[in-house]
PDB file of N, CA and C in Angstrom:
ATOM      1  N   UNK A   1       0.860  -1.017  -0.114  1.00  0.00           N
ATOM      2  CA  UNK A   1      -0.012  -0.054  -0.038  1.00  0.00           C
ATOM      3  C   UNK A   1       0.903   1.322   0.113  1.00  0.00           C
ATOM      4  N   UNK A   2       1.970   1.160   0.823  1.00  0.00           N
ATOM      5  CA  UNK A   2       3.015   2.631   0.768  1.00  0.00           C
ATOM      6  C   UNK A   2       3.270   2.721  -0.741  1.00  0.00           C
ATOM      7  N   UNK A   3       3.527   1.800  -1.587  1.00  0.00           N
ATOM      8  CA  UNK A   3       3.955   1.980  -2.965  1.00  0.00           C
ATOM      9  C   UNK A   3       2.577   2.876  -3.769  1.00  0.00           C
ATOM     10  N   UNK A   4       1.406   2.571  -3.426  1.00  0.00           N
ATOM     11  CA  UNK A   4       0.264   2.991  -3.998  1.00  0.00           C
ATOM     12  C   UNK A   4       0.353   4.415  -3.551  1.00  0.00           C
ATOM     13  N   UNK A   5       0.354   4.855  -2.330  1.00  0.00           N
ATOM     14  CA  UNK A   5       0.210   5.913  -2.008  1.00  0.00           C
ATOM     15  C   UNK A   5       1.363   6.936  -2.501  1.00  0.00           C
ATOM     16  N   UNK A   6       2.564   6.363  -2.551  1.00  0.00           N
ATOM     17  CA  UNK A   6       3.674   7.321  -3.082  1.00  0.00           C
ATOM     18  C   UNK A   6       3.496   7.610  -4.582  1.00  0.00           C
ATOM     19  N   UNK A   7       2.920   6.639  -5.298  1.00  0.00           N
ATOM     20  CA  UNK A   7       2.574   6.822  -6.562  1.00  0.00           C
ATOM     21  C   UNK A   7       1.511   7.748  -6.875  1.00  0.00           C
ATOM     22  N   UNK A   8       0.375   7.742  -5.951  1.00  0.00           N
ATOM     23  CA  UNK A   8      -0.722   8.819  -6.032  1.00  0.00           C
ATOM     24  C   UNK A   8      -0.044  10.170  -5.728  1.00  0.00           C
ATOM     25  N   UNK A   9       1.025  10.151  -4.718  1.00  0.00           N
ATOM     26  CA  UNK A   9       1.315  11.550  -4.531  1.00  0.00           C
ATOM     27  C   UNK A   9       2.114  12.233  -5.631  1.00  0.00           C
ATOM     28  N   UNK A  10       2.763  11.188  -6.336  1.00  0.00           N
ATOM     29  CA  UNK A  10       3.680  11.682  -7.358  1.00  0.00           C
ATOM     30  C   UNK A  10       2.526  12.174  -8.602  1.00  0.00           C
ATOM     31  N   UNK A  11       1.332  11.917  -8.656  1.00  0.00           N
ATOM     32  CA  UNK A  11       0.501  12.188  -9.707  1.00  0.00           C
ATOM     33  C   UNK A  11      -0.477  13.246  -9.384  1.00  0.00           C
ATOM     34  N   UNK A  12      -0.281  13.707  -8.191  1.00  0.00           N
ATOM     35  CA  UNK A  12      -1.170  15.012  -7.630  1.00  0.00           C
ATOM     36  C   UNK A  12      -0.400  16.151  -8.273  1.00  0.00           C
ATOM     37  N   UNK A  13      -1.310  17.261  -8.478  1.00  0.00           N
ATOM     38  CA  UNK A  13      -0.858  18.438  -8.866  1.00  0.00           C
ATOM     39  C   UNK A  13      -0.133  19.067  -7.860  1.00  0.00           C
ATOM     40  N   UNK A  14       0.971  19.781  -8.280  1.00  0.00           N
ATOM     41  CA  UNK A  14       1.894  20.663  -7.659  1.00  0.00           C
ATOM     42  C   UNK A  14       1.348  21.347  -6.671  1.00  0.00           C
ATOM     43  N   UNK A  15       0.005  22.011  -6.760  1.00  0.00           N
ATOM     44  CA  UNK A  15      -0.460  22.907  -5.548  1.00  0.00           C
ATOM     45  C   UNK A  15      -1.095  21.865  -4.492  1.00  0.00           C
ATOM     46  N   UNK A  16      -1.154  20.407  -4.733  1.00  0.00           N
ATOM     47  CA  UNK A  16      -1.528  19.751  -3.666  1.00  0.00           C
ATOM     48  C   UNK A  16      -0.531  18.863  -3.101  1.00  0.00           C
ATOM     49  N   UNK A  17       0.532  19.078  -3.321  1.00  0.00           N
ATOM     50  CA  UNK A  17       1.933  18.318  -2.874  1.00  0.00           C
ATOM     51  C   UNK A  17       2.089  18.804  -1.266  1.00  0.00           C
ATOM     52  N   UNK A  18       2.730  17.838  -0.509  1.00  0.00           N
ATOM     53  CA  UNK A  18       2.935  18.270   0.759  1.00  0.00           C
ATOM     54  C   UNK A  18       3.971  19.472   0.924  1.00  0.00           C
ATOM     55  N   UNK A  19       4.902  19.567   0.154  1.00  0.00           N
ATOM     56  CA  UNK A  19       5.623  20.675  -0.003  1.00  0.00           C
ATOM     57  C   UNK A  19       5.055  22.211   0.326  1.00  0.00           C
ATOM     58  N   UNK A  20       3.749  22.081  -0.239  1.00  0.00           N
ATOM     59  CA  UNK A  20       2.895  23.410  -0.173  1.00  0.00           C
ATOM     60  C   UNK A  20       2.241  23.494   1.092  1.00  0.00           C
ATOM     61  N   UNK A  21       2.508  22.685   2.079  1.00  0.00           N
ATOM     62  CA  UNK A  21       1.871  22.725   3.492  1.00  0.00           C
ATOM     63  C   UNK A  21       2.467  24.131   4.020  1.00  0.00           C
ATOM     64  N   UNK A  22       3.767  24.527   3.838  1.00  0.00           N
ATOM     65  CA  UNK A  22       4.330  25.568   4.647  1.00  0.00           C
ATOM     66  C   UNK A  22       3.786  27.040   4.054  1.00  0.00           C
ATOM     67  N   UNK A  23       2.769  27.131   3.119  1.00  0.00           N
ATOM     68  CA  UNK A  23       2.245  28.210   2.868  1.00  0.00           C
ATOM     69  C   UNK A  23       1.279  28.816   3.823  1.00  0.00           C
ATOM     70  N   UNK A  24       0.510  27.969   4.424  1.00  0.00           N
ATOM     71  CA  UNK A  24      -0.548  28.418   5.453  1.00  0.00           C
ATOM     72  C   UNK A  24       0.267  29.187   6.635  1.00  0.00           C
ATOM     73  N   UNK A  25       1.348  28.979   6.938  1.00  0.00           N
ATOM     74  CA  UNK A  25       1.987  29.520   8.046  1.00  0.00           C
ATOM     75  C   UNK A  25       2.858  30.505   7.466  1.00  0.00           C
ATOM     76  N   UNK A  26       3.226  30.887   6.237  1.00  0.00           N
ATOM     77  CA  UNK A  26       3.908  31.991   5.852  1.00  0.00           C
ATOM     78  C   UNK A  26       3.701  33.149   6.203  1.00  0.00           C
ATOM     79  N   UNK A  27       4.510  34.122   6.770  1.00  0.00           N
ATOM     80  CA  UNK A  27       4.257  35.346   7.212  1.00  0.00           C
ATOM     81  C   UNK A  27       4.823  36.497   6.050  1.00  0.00           C
ATOM     82  N   UNK A  28       3.680  37.100   5.519  1.00  0.00           N
ATOM     83  CA  UNK A  28       4.103  38.047   4.553  1.00  0.00           C
ATOM     84  C   UNK A  28       4.755  39.225   5.086  1.00  0.00           C
ATOM     85  N   UNK A  29       4.690  39.548   6.365  1.00  0.00           N
ATOM     86  CA  UNK A  29       5.269  40.789   6.902  1.00  0.00           C
ATOM     87  C   UNK A  29       6.753  40.658   7.546  1.00  0.00           C
ATOM     88  N   UNK A  30       7.392  39.294   7.275  1.00  0.00           N
ATOM     89  CA  UNK A  30       8.694  39.207   7.425  1.00  0.00           C
ATOM     90  C   UNK A  30       9.497  39.765   6.453  1.00  0.00           C
ATOM     91  N   UNK A  31      10.696  40.378   6.959  1.00  0.00           N
ATOM     92  CA  UNK A  31      11.839  40.691   5.871  1.00  0.00           C
ATOM     93  C   UNK A  31      12.193  39.637   4.873  1.00  0.00           C
ATOM     94  N   UNK A  32      12.471  39.883   3.618  1.00  0.00           N
ATOM     95  CA  UNK A  32      12.837  39.126   2.616  1.00  0.00           C
ATOM     96  C   UNK A  32      14.046  39.508   1.680  1.00  0.00           C
ATOM     97  N   UNK A  33      14.710  38.517   1.083  1.00  0.00           N
ATOM     98  CA  UNK A  33      15.720  38.832   0.134  1.00  0.00           C
ATOM     99  C   UNK A  33      15.388  38.309  -1.077  1.00  0.00           C
ATOM    100  N   UNK A  34      15.550  39.000  -2.199  1.00  0.00           N
ATOM    101  CA  UNK A  34      15.076  38.380  -3.562  1.00  0.00           C
ATOM    102  C   UNK A  34      16.588  38.515  -4.313  1.00  0.00           C
ATOM    103  N   UNK A  35      16.583  37.221  -4.835  1.00  0.00           N
ATOM    104  CA  UNK A  35      17.989  36.974  -5.706  1.00  0.00           C
ATOM    105  C   UNK A  35      17.629  36.706  -7.226  1.00  0.00           C
ATOM    106  N   UNK A  36      17.478  37.523  -8.288  1.00  0.00           N
ATOM    107  CA  UNK A  36      17.182  37.386  -9.299  1.00  0.00           C
ATOM    108  C   UNK A  36      18.141  36.637 -10.187  1.00  0.00           C
ATOM    109  N   UNK A  37      17.907  35.873 -11.136  1.00  0.00           N
ATOM    110  CA  UNK A  37      18.869  35.104 -11.963  1.00  0.00           C
ATOM    111  C   UNK A  37      19.806  35.994 -12.620  1.00  0.00           C
ATOM    112  N   UNK A  38      20.774  35.631 -13.171  1.00  0.00           N
ATOM    113  CA  UNK A  38      21.796  36.718 -13.847  1.00  0.00           C
ATOM    114  C   UNK A  38      21.388  36.238 -15.410  1.00  0.00           C
ATOM    115  N   UNK A  39      21.080  37.442 -16.277  1.00  0.00           N
ATOM    116  CA  UNK A  39      20.676  37.370 -17.585  1.00  0.00           C
ATOM    117  C   UNK A  39      21.904  37.316 -18.412  1.00  0.00           C
ATOM    118  N   UNK A  40      21.981  36.279 -19.182  1.00  0.00           N
ATOM    119  CA  UNK A  40      23.161  35.746 -20.048  1.00  0.00           C
ATOM    120  C   UNK A  40      23.253  36.864 -21.317  1.00  0.00           C
ATOM    121  N   UNK A  41      22.109  37.435 -21.560  1.00  0.00           N
ATOM    122  CA  UNK A  41      22.081  38.125 -22.615  1.00  0.00           C
ATOM    123  C   UNK A  41      22.512  39.459 -22.633  1.00  0.00           C
ATOM    124  N   UNK A  42      22.467  40.261 -21.405  1.00  0.00           N
ATOM    125  CA  UNK A  42      22.806  41.539 -21.175  1.00  0.00           C
ATOM    126  C   UNK A  42      24.175  41.580 -20.526  1.00  0.00           C
ATOM    127  N   UNK A  43      24.843  42.508 -21.025  1.00  0.00           N
ATOM    128  CA  UNK A  43      26.085  42.746 -20.361  1.00  0.00           C
ATOM    129  C   UNK A  43      26.174  43.392 -18.917  1.00  0.00           C
ATOM    130  N   UNK A  44      25.332  44.200 -18.632  1.00  0.00           N
ATOM    131  CA  UNK A  44      24.934  44.831 -17.502  1.00  0.00           C
ATOM    132  C   UNK A  44      23.830  44.003 -16.959  1.00  0.00           C
ATOM    133  N   UNK A  45      23.718  43.962 -15.638  1.00  0.00           N
ATOM    134  CA  UNK A  45      22.547  43.081 -14.829  1.00  0.00           C
ATOM    135  C   UNK A  45      21.681  44.377 -14.527  1.00  0.00           C
ATOM    136  N   UNK A  46      20.480  44.331 -15.080  1.00  0.00           N
ATOM    137  CA  UNK A  46      19.445  45.309 -14.790  1.00  0.00           C
ATOM    138  C   UNK A  46      18.817  45.376 -13.530  1.00  0.00           C
ATOM    139  N   UNK A  47      18.903  44.093 -12.916  1.00  0.00           N
ATOM    140  CA  UNK A  47      18.176  44.001 -11.406  1.00  0.00           C
ATOM    141  C   UNK A  47      18.827  43.026 -10.667  1.00  0.00           C
ATOM    142  N   UNK A  48      19.491  43.532  -9.649  1.00  0.00           N
ATOM    143  CA  UNK A  48      20.174  42.478  -8.756  1.00  0.00           C
ATOM    144  C   UNK A  48      19.662  42.474  -7.381  1.00  0.00           C
ATOM    145  N   UNK A  49      20.377  41.868  -6.390  1.00  0.00           N
ATOM    146  CA  UNK A  49      19.868  41.565  -5.323  1.00  0.00           C
ATOM    147  C   UNK A  49      19.136  42.648  -4.671  1.00  0.00           C
ATOM    148  N   UNK A  50      17.879  42.275  -3.981  1.00  0.00           N
ATOM    149  CA  UNK A  50      17.099  43.101  -3.365  1.00  0.00           C
ATOM    150  C   UNK A  50      16.824  42.799  -1.924  1.00  0.00           C
ATOM    151  N   UNK A  51      16.540  43.887  -0.875  1.00  0.00           N
ATOM    152  CA  UNK A  51      16.346  43.548   0.391  1.00  0.00           C
ATOM    153  C   UNK A  51      14.859  44.020   0.601  1.00  0.00           C
ATOM    154  N   UNK A  52      13.898  43.590   1.234  1.00  0.00           N
ATOM    155  CA  UNK A  52      12.722  44.023   1.351  1.00  0.00           C
ATOM    156  C   UNK A  52      12.200  44.072   2.722  1.00  0.00           C
ATOM    157  N   UNK A  53      11.511  45.077   3.308  1.00  0.00           N
ATOM    158  CA  UNK A  53      11.175  44.989   4.609  1.00  0.00           C
ATOM    159  C   UNK A  53       9.907  43.896   5.094  1.00  0.00           C
ATOM    160  N   UNK A  54       9.226  43.714   3.662  1.00  0.00           N
ATOM    161  CA  UNK A  54       8.148  42.766   3.889  1.00  0.00           C
ATOM    162  C   UNK A  54       8.201  41.907   2.623  1.00  0.00           C
ATOM    163  N   UNK A  55       8.004  40.483   2.926  1.00  0.00           N
ATOM    164  CA  UNK A  55       7.851  39.556   1.889  1.00  0.00           C
ATOM    165  C   UNK A  55       6.889  39.859   0.778  1.00  0.00           C
ATOM    166  N   UNK A  56       5.701  40.402   1.488  1.00  0.00           N
ATOM    167  CA  UNK A  56       4.667  40.757   0.358  1.00  0.00           C
ATOM    168  C   UNK A  56       5.145  41.584  -0.773  1.00  0.00           C
ATOM    169  N   UNK A  57       5.890  42.480  -0.387  1.00  0.00           N
ATOM    170  CA  UNK A  57       6.479  43.497  -1.483  1.00  0.00           C
ATOM    171  C   UNK A  57       7.480  42.896  -2.280  1.00  0.00           C
ATOM    172  N   UNK A  58       8.552  41.952  -1.697  1.00  0.00           N
ATOM    173  CA  UNK A  58       9.141  41.201  -2.587  1.00  0.00           C
ATOM    174  C   UNK A  58       8.636  40.557  -3.545  1.00  0.00           C
ATOM    175  N   UNK A  59       7.369  39.758  -3.076  1.00  0.00           N
ATOM    176  CA  UNK A  59       6.641  38.956  -4.070  1.00  0.00           C
ATOM    177  C   UNK A  59       6.049  39.641  -5.006  1.00  0.00           C
ATOM    178  N   UNK A  60       5.423  40.779  -4.794  1.00  0.00           N
ATOM    179  CA  UNK A  60       4.788  41.672  -5.667  1.00  0.00           C
ATOM    180  C   UNK A  60       5.807  42.070  -6.652  1.00  0.00           C
ATOM    181  N   UNK A  61       7.196  42.579  -6.205  1.00  0.00           N
ATOM    182  CA  UNK A  61       8.241  43.079  -7.153  1.00  0.00           C
ATOM    183  C   UNK A  61       8.565  41.865  -8.111  1.00  0.00           C
ATOM    184  N   UNK A  62       8.687  40.680  -7.767  1.00  0.00           N
ATOM    185  CA  UNK A  62       9.250  39.604  -8.438  1.00  0.00           C
ATOM    186  C   UNK A  62       8.175  39.112  -9.506  1.00  0.00           C
ATOM    187  N   UNK A  63       6.700  39.160  -9.151  1.00  0.00           N
ATOM    188  CA  UNK A  63       5.959  38.891  -9.930  1.00  0.00           C
ATOM    189  C   UNK A  63       5.304  39.739 -11.176  1.00  0.00           C
ATOM    190  N   UNK A  64       5.366  41.118 -10.549  1.00  0.00           N
ATOM    191  CA  UNK A  64       4.834  42.096 -11.234  1.00  0.00           C
ATOM    192  C   UNK A  64       5.915  42.833 -12.046  1.00  0.00           C
ATOM    193  N   UNK A  65       6.862  43.148 -11.488  1.00  0.00           N
ATOM    194  CA  UNK A  65       8.068  44.218 -11.876  1.00  0.00           C
ATOM    195  C   UNK A  65       9.128  43.480 -12.668  1.00  0.00           C
ATOM    196  N   UNK A  66       9.622  42.145 -12.195  1.00  0.00           N
ATOM    197  CA  UNK A  66      10.981  41.468 -12.605  1.00  0.00           C
ATOM    198  C   UNK A  66      10.462  40.872 -13.925  1.00  0.00           C
ATOM    199  N   UNK A  67      11.490  41.307 -15.072  1.00  0.00           N
ATOM    200  CA  UNK A  67      11.313  40.585 -16.290  1.00  0.00           C
ATOM    201  C   UNK A  67      11.249  39.211 -16.133  1.00  0.00           C
ATOM    202  N   UNK A  68      10.227  38.397 -16.897  1.00  0.00           N
ATOM    203  CA  UNK A  68      10.129  37.030 -16.748  1.00  0.00           C
ATOM    204  C   UNK A  68      11.319  36.145 -16.786  1.00  0.00           C
ATOM    205  N   UNK A  69      12.163  36.650 -17.724  1.00  0.00           N
ATOM    206  CA  UNK A  69      13.421  35.938 -17.998  1.00  0.00           C
ATOM    207  C   UNK A  69      14.375  35.883 -16.629  1.00  0.00           C
ATOM    208  N   UNK A  70      14.347  36.800 -15.727  1.00  0.00           N
ATOM    209  CA  UNK A  70      15.016  36.975 -14.750  1.00  0.00           C
ATOM    210  C   UNK A  70      14.269  36.410 -13.328  1.00  0.00           C
ATOM    211  N   UNK A  71      12.940  36.085 -13.452  1.00  0.00           N
ATOM    212  CA  UNK A  71      12.045  35.549 -12.295  1.00  0.00           C
ATOM    213  C   UNK A  71      12.573  34.122 -12.652  1.00  0.00           C
ATOM    214  N   UNK A  72      12.586  33.446 -13.813  1.00  0.00           N
ATOM    215  CA  UNK A  72      12.884  32.194 -13.999  1.00  0.00           C
ATOM    216  C   UNK A  72      13.715  31.634 -13.097  1.00  0.00           C
ATOM    217  N   UNK A  73      14.819  31.920 -12.843  1.00  0.00           N
ATOM    218  CA  UNK A  73      15.988  31.443 -12.051  1.00  0.00           C
ATOM    219  C   UNK A  73      16.119  32.060 -10.680  1.00  0.00           C
ATOM    220  N   UNK A  74      15.186  32.970 -10.372  1.00  0.00           N
ATOM    221  CA  UNK A  74      15.167  33.756  -9.117  1.00  0.00           C
ATOM    222  C   UNK A  74      14.638  32.966  -8.023  1.00  0.00           C
ATOM    223  N   UNK A  75      15.311  33.422  -6.751  1.00  0.00           N
ATOM    224  CA  UNK A  75      14.658  32.643  -5.463  1.00  0.00           C
ATOM    225  C   UNK A  75      14.561  33.893  -4.368  1.00  0.00           C
ATOM    226  N   UNK A  76      13.807  33.546  -3.494  1.00  0.00           N
ATOM    227  CA  UNK A  76      13.189  34.533  -2.543  1.00  0.00           C
ATOM    228  C   UNK A  76      13.562  33.730  -1.498  1.00  0.00           C
ATOM    229  N   UNK A  77      14.388  34.408  -0.291  1.00  0.00           N
ATOM    230  CA  UNK A  77      14.601  33.890   0.907  1.00  0.00           C
ATOM    231  C   UNK A  77      13.802  34.701   1.857  1.00  0.00           C
ATOM    232  N   UNK A  78      13.153  33.841   2.800  1.00  0.00           N
ATOM    233  CA  UNK A  78      12.491  34.196   4.167  1.00  0.00           C
ATOM    234  C   UNK A  78      12.636  33.593   5.152  1.00  0.00           C
ATOM    235  N   UNK A  79      13.093  34.109   6.436  1.00  0.00           N
ATOM    236  CA  UNK A  79      13.320  33.139   7.461  1.00  0.00           C
ATOM    237  C   UNK A  79      14.271  32.159   7.155  1.00  0.00           C
ATOM    238  N   UNK A  80      15.421  32.130   6.330  1.00  0.00           N
ATOM    239  CA  UNK A  80      16.274  31.085   5.944  1.00  0.00           C
ATOM    240  C   UNK A  80      15.471  30.061   5.187  1.00  0.00           C
ATOM    241  N   UNK A  81      14.298  30.163   4.583  1.00  0.00           N
ATOM    242  CA  UNK A  81      13.824  29.212   3.984  1.00  0.00           C
ATOM    243  C   UNK A  81      13.549  29.826   2.048  1.00  0.00           C
ATOM    244  N   UNK A  82      14.038  29.247   1.527  1.00  0.00           N
ATOM    245  CA  UNK A  82      14.005  29.669   0.030  1.00  0.00           C
ATOM    246  C   UNK A  82      12.775  29.003  -0.860  1.00  0.00           C
ATOM    247  N   UNK A  83      12.472  30.220  -1.710  1.00  0.00           N
ATOM    248  CA  UNK A  83      11.512  29.772  -2.565  1.00  0.00           C
ATOM    249  C   UNK A  83      11.897  30.097  -3.945  1.00  0.00           C
ATOM    250  N   UNK A  84      11.737  29.012  -4.920  1.00  0.00           N
ATOM    251  CA  UNK A  84      11.899  29.309  -6.354  1.00  0.00           C
ATOM    252  C   UNK A  84      10.843  30.191  -7.017  1.00  0.00           C
ATOM    253  N   UNK A  85      11.170  30.356  -8.322  1.00  0.00           N
ATOM    254  CA  UNK A  85      10.044  31.090  -8.970  1.00  0.00           C
ATOM    255  C   UNK A  85       8.652  30.461  -8.978  1.00  0.00           C
ATOM    256  N   UNK A  86       8.521  29.169  -8.981  1.00  0.00           N
ATOM    257  CA  UNK A  86       7.154  28.580  -8.646  1.00  0.00           C
ATOM    258  C   UNK A  86       6.663  28.819  -7.298  1.00  0.00           C
ATOM    259  N   UNK A  87       7.564  28.643  -6.369  1.00  0.00           N
ATOM    260  CA  UNK A  87       7.239  28.997  -5.011  1.00  0.00           C
ATOM    261  C   UNK A  87       6.748  30.295  -4.734  1.00  0.00           C
ATOM    262  N   UNK A  88       7.269  31.398  -5.299  1.00  0.00           N
ATOM    263  CA  UNK A  88       6.947  32.783  -5.301  1.00  0.00           C
ATOM    264  C   UNK A  88       5.728  32.944  -6.051  1.00  0.00           C
ATOM    265  N   UNK A  89       5.384  32.309  -7.145  1.00  0.00           N
ATOM    266  CA  UNK A  89       4.106  32.455  -7.730  1.00  0.00           C
ATOM    267  C   UNK A  89       2.897  32.081  -6.879  1.00  0.00           C
ATOM    268  N   UNK A  90       3.420  30.812  -6.078  1.00  0.00           N
ATOM    269  CA  UNK A  90       2.299  30.047  -5.167  1.00  0.00           C
ATOM    270  C   UNK A  90       2.016  31.198  -4.025  1.00  0.00           C
ATOM    271  N   UNK A  91       3.042  31.799  -3.442  1.00  0.00           N
ATOM    272  CA  UNK A  91       2.949  33.002  -2.508  1.00  0.00           C
ATOM    273  C   UNK A  91       1.990  34.032  -2.764  1.00  0.00           C
ATOM    274  N   UNK A  92       2.141  34.325  -4.277  1.00  0.00           N
ATOM    275  CA  UNK A  92       1.450  35.512  -4.806  1.00  0.00           C
ATOM    276  C   UNK A  92      -0.026  35.129  -5.176  1.00  0.00           C
ATOM    277  N   UNK A  93      -0.251  33.865  -5.766  1.00  0.00           N
ATOM    278  CA  UNK A  93      -1.544  33.392  -5.927  1.00  0.00           C
ATOM    279  C   UNK A  93      -2.463  32.929  -4.588  1.00  0.00           C
ATOM    280  N   UNK A  94      -1.640  33.087  -3.642  1.00  0.00           N
ATOM    281  CA  UNK A  94      -2.406  32.539  -2.406  1.00  0.00           C
ATOM    282  C   UNK A  94      -3.272  33.337  -1.922  1.00  0.00           C
ATOM    283  N   UNK A  95      -4.359  32.710  -1.294  1.00  0.00           N
ATOM    284  CA  UNK A  95      -5.428  33.852  -0.874  1.00  0.00           C
ATOM    285  C   UNK A  95      -5.322  34.651   0.376  1.00  0.00           C
ATOM    286  N   UNK A  96      -4.122  34.229   1.049  1.00  0.00           N
ATOM    287  CA  UNK A  96      -3.589  35.041   2.168  1.00  0.00           C
ATOM    288  C   UNK A  96      -2.538  36.179   1.695  1.00  0.00           C
ATOM    289  N   UNK A  97      -2.362  36.289   0.372  1.00  0.00           N
ATOM    290  CA  UNK A  97      -1.600  37.490  -0.005  1.00  0.00           C
ATOM    291  C   UNK A  97      -2.223  38.658   0.348  1.00  0.00           C
ATOM    292  N   UNK A  98      -1.518  39.697   1.190  1.00  0.00           N
ATOM    293  CA  UNK A  98      -2.103  40.661   1.425  1.00  0.00           C
ATOM    294  C   UNK A  98      -2.087  42.003   0.677  1.00  0.00           C
ATOM    295  N   UNK A  99      -1.552  42.145  -0.355  1.00  0.00           N
ATOM    296  CA  UNK A  99      -1.704  43.195  -1.241  1.00  0.00           C
ATOM    297  C   UNK A  99      -2.510  43.112  -2.305  1.00  0.00           C
ATOM    298  N   UNK A 100      -2.802  44.367  -3.053  1.00  0.00           N
ATOM    299  CA  UNK A 100      -3.788  44.059  -4.400  1.00  0.00           C
ATOM    300  C   UNK A 100      -3.145  43.716  -5.261  1.00  0.00           C
ATOM    301  N   UNK A 101      -3.422  42.807  -5.988  1.00  0.00           N
ATOM    302  CA  UNK A 101      -2.669  42.189  -7.123  1.00  0.00           C
ATOM    303  C   UNK A 101      -3.042  43.349  -8.494  1.00  0.00           C
ATOM    304  N   UNK A 102      -1.971  43.355  -9.198  1.00  0.00           N
ATOM    305  CA  UNK A 102      -1.902  44.216 -10.586  1.00  0.00           C
ATOM    306  C   UNK A 102      -3.150  43.503 -11.534  1.00  0.00           C
ATOM    307  N   UNK A 103      -3.792  44.323 -12.082  1.00  0.00           N
ATOM    308  CA  UNK A 103      -4.932  43.885 -13.243  1.00  0.00           C
ATOM    309  C   UNK A 103      -4.018  43.005 -14.203  1.00  0.00           C
ATOM    310  N   UNK A 104      -4.621  42.124 -14.731  1.00  0.00           N
ATOM    311  CA  UNK A 104      -3.998  41.170 -16.006  1.00  0.00           C
ATOM    312  C   UNK A 104      -4.599  41.931 -17.080  1.00  0.00           C
ATOM    313  N   UNK A 105      -3.353  42.450 -17.977  1.00  0.00           N
ATOM    314  CA  UNK A 105      -3.650  42.756 -19.240  1.00  0.00           C
ATOM    315  C   UNK A 105      -3.978  41.864 -20.349  1.00  0.00           C
ATOM    316  N   UNK A 106      -5.107  42.256 -20.978  1.00  0.00           N
ATOM    317  CA  UNK A 106      -5.279  41.332 -22.152  1.00  0.00           C
ATOM    318  C   UNK A 106      -5.048  41.777 -23.365  1.00  0.00           C
TER     319      UNK A 106
END
């Protein structure tokens, strides 16, 4: 039976995996550091390391302002826990995210 449950866990969508259980306890008011990936195309790095007093502001910046190519390899560090670009997106999409989201342009 253990094999069946691990197989079932592998087939679950990413949003339902146990790794996402850390999101309910996430504190959006905690200081955060954002480390964008380095762009291989540009000689100068347009956006580098940034420190934010609130994780919510770092998440907003990463999703709404950071060029998509830089977000792809970026990570957010909050209380010694790291979130990759997918984790940052999950934090932004979470119902507990405290800031207004930018309207999607169509």
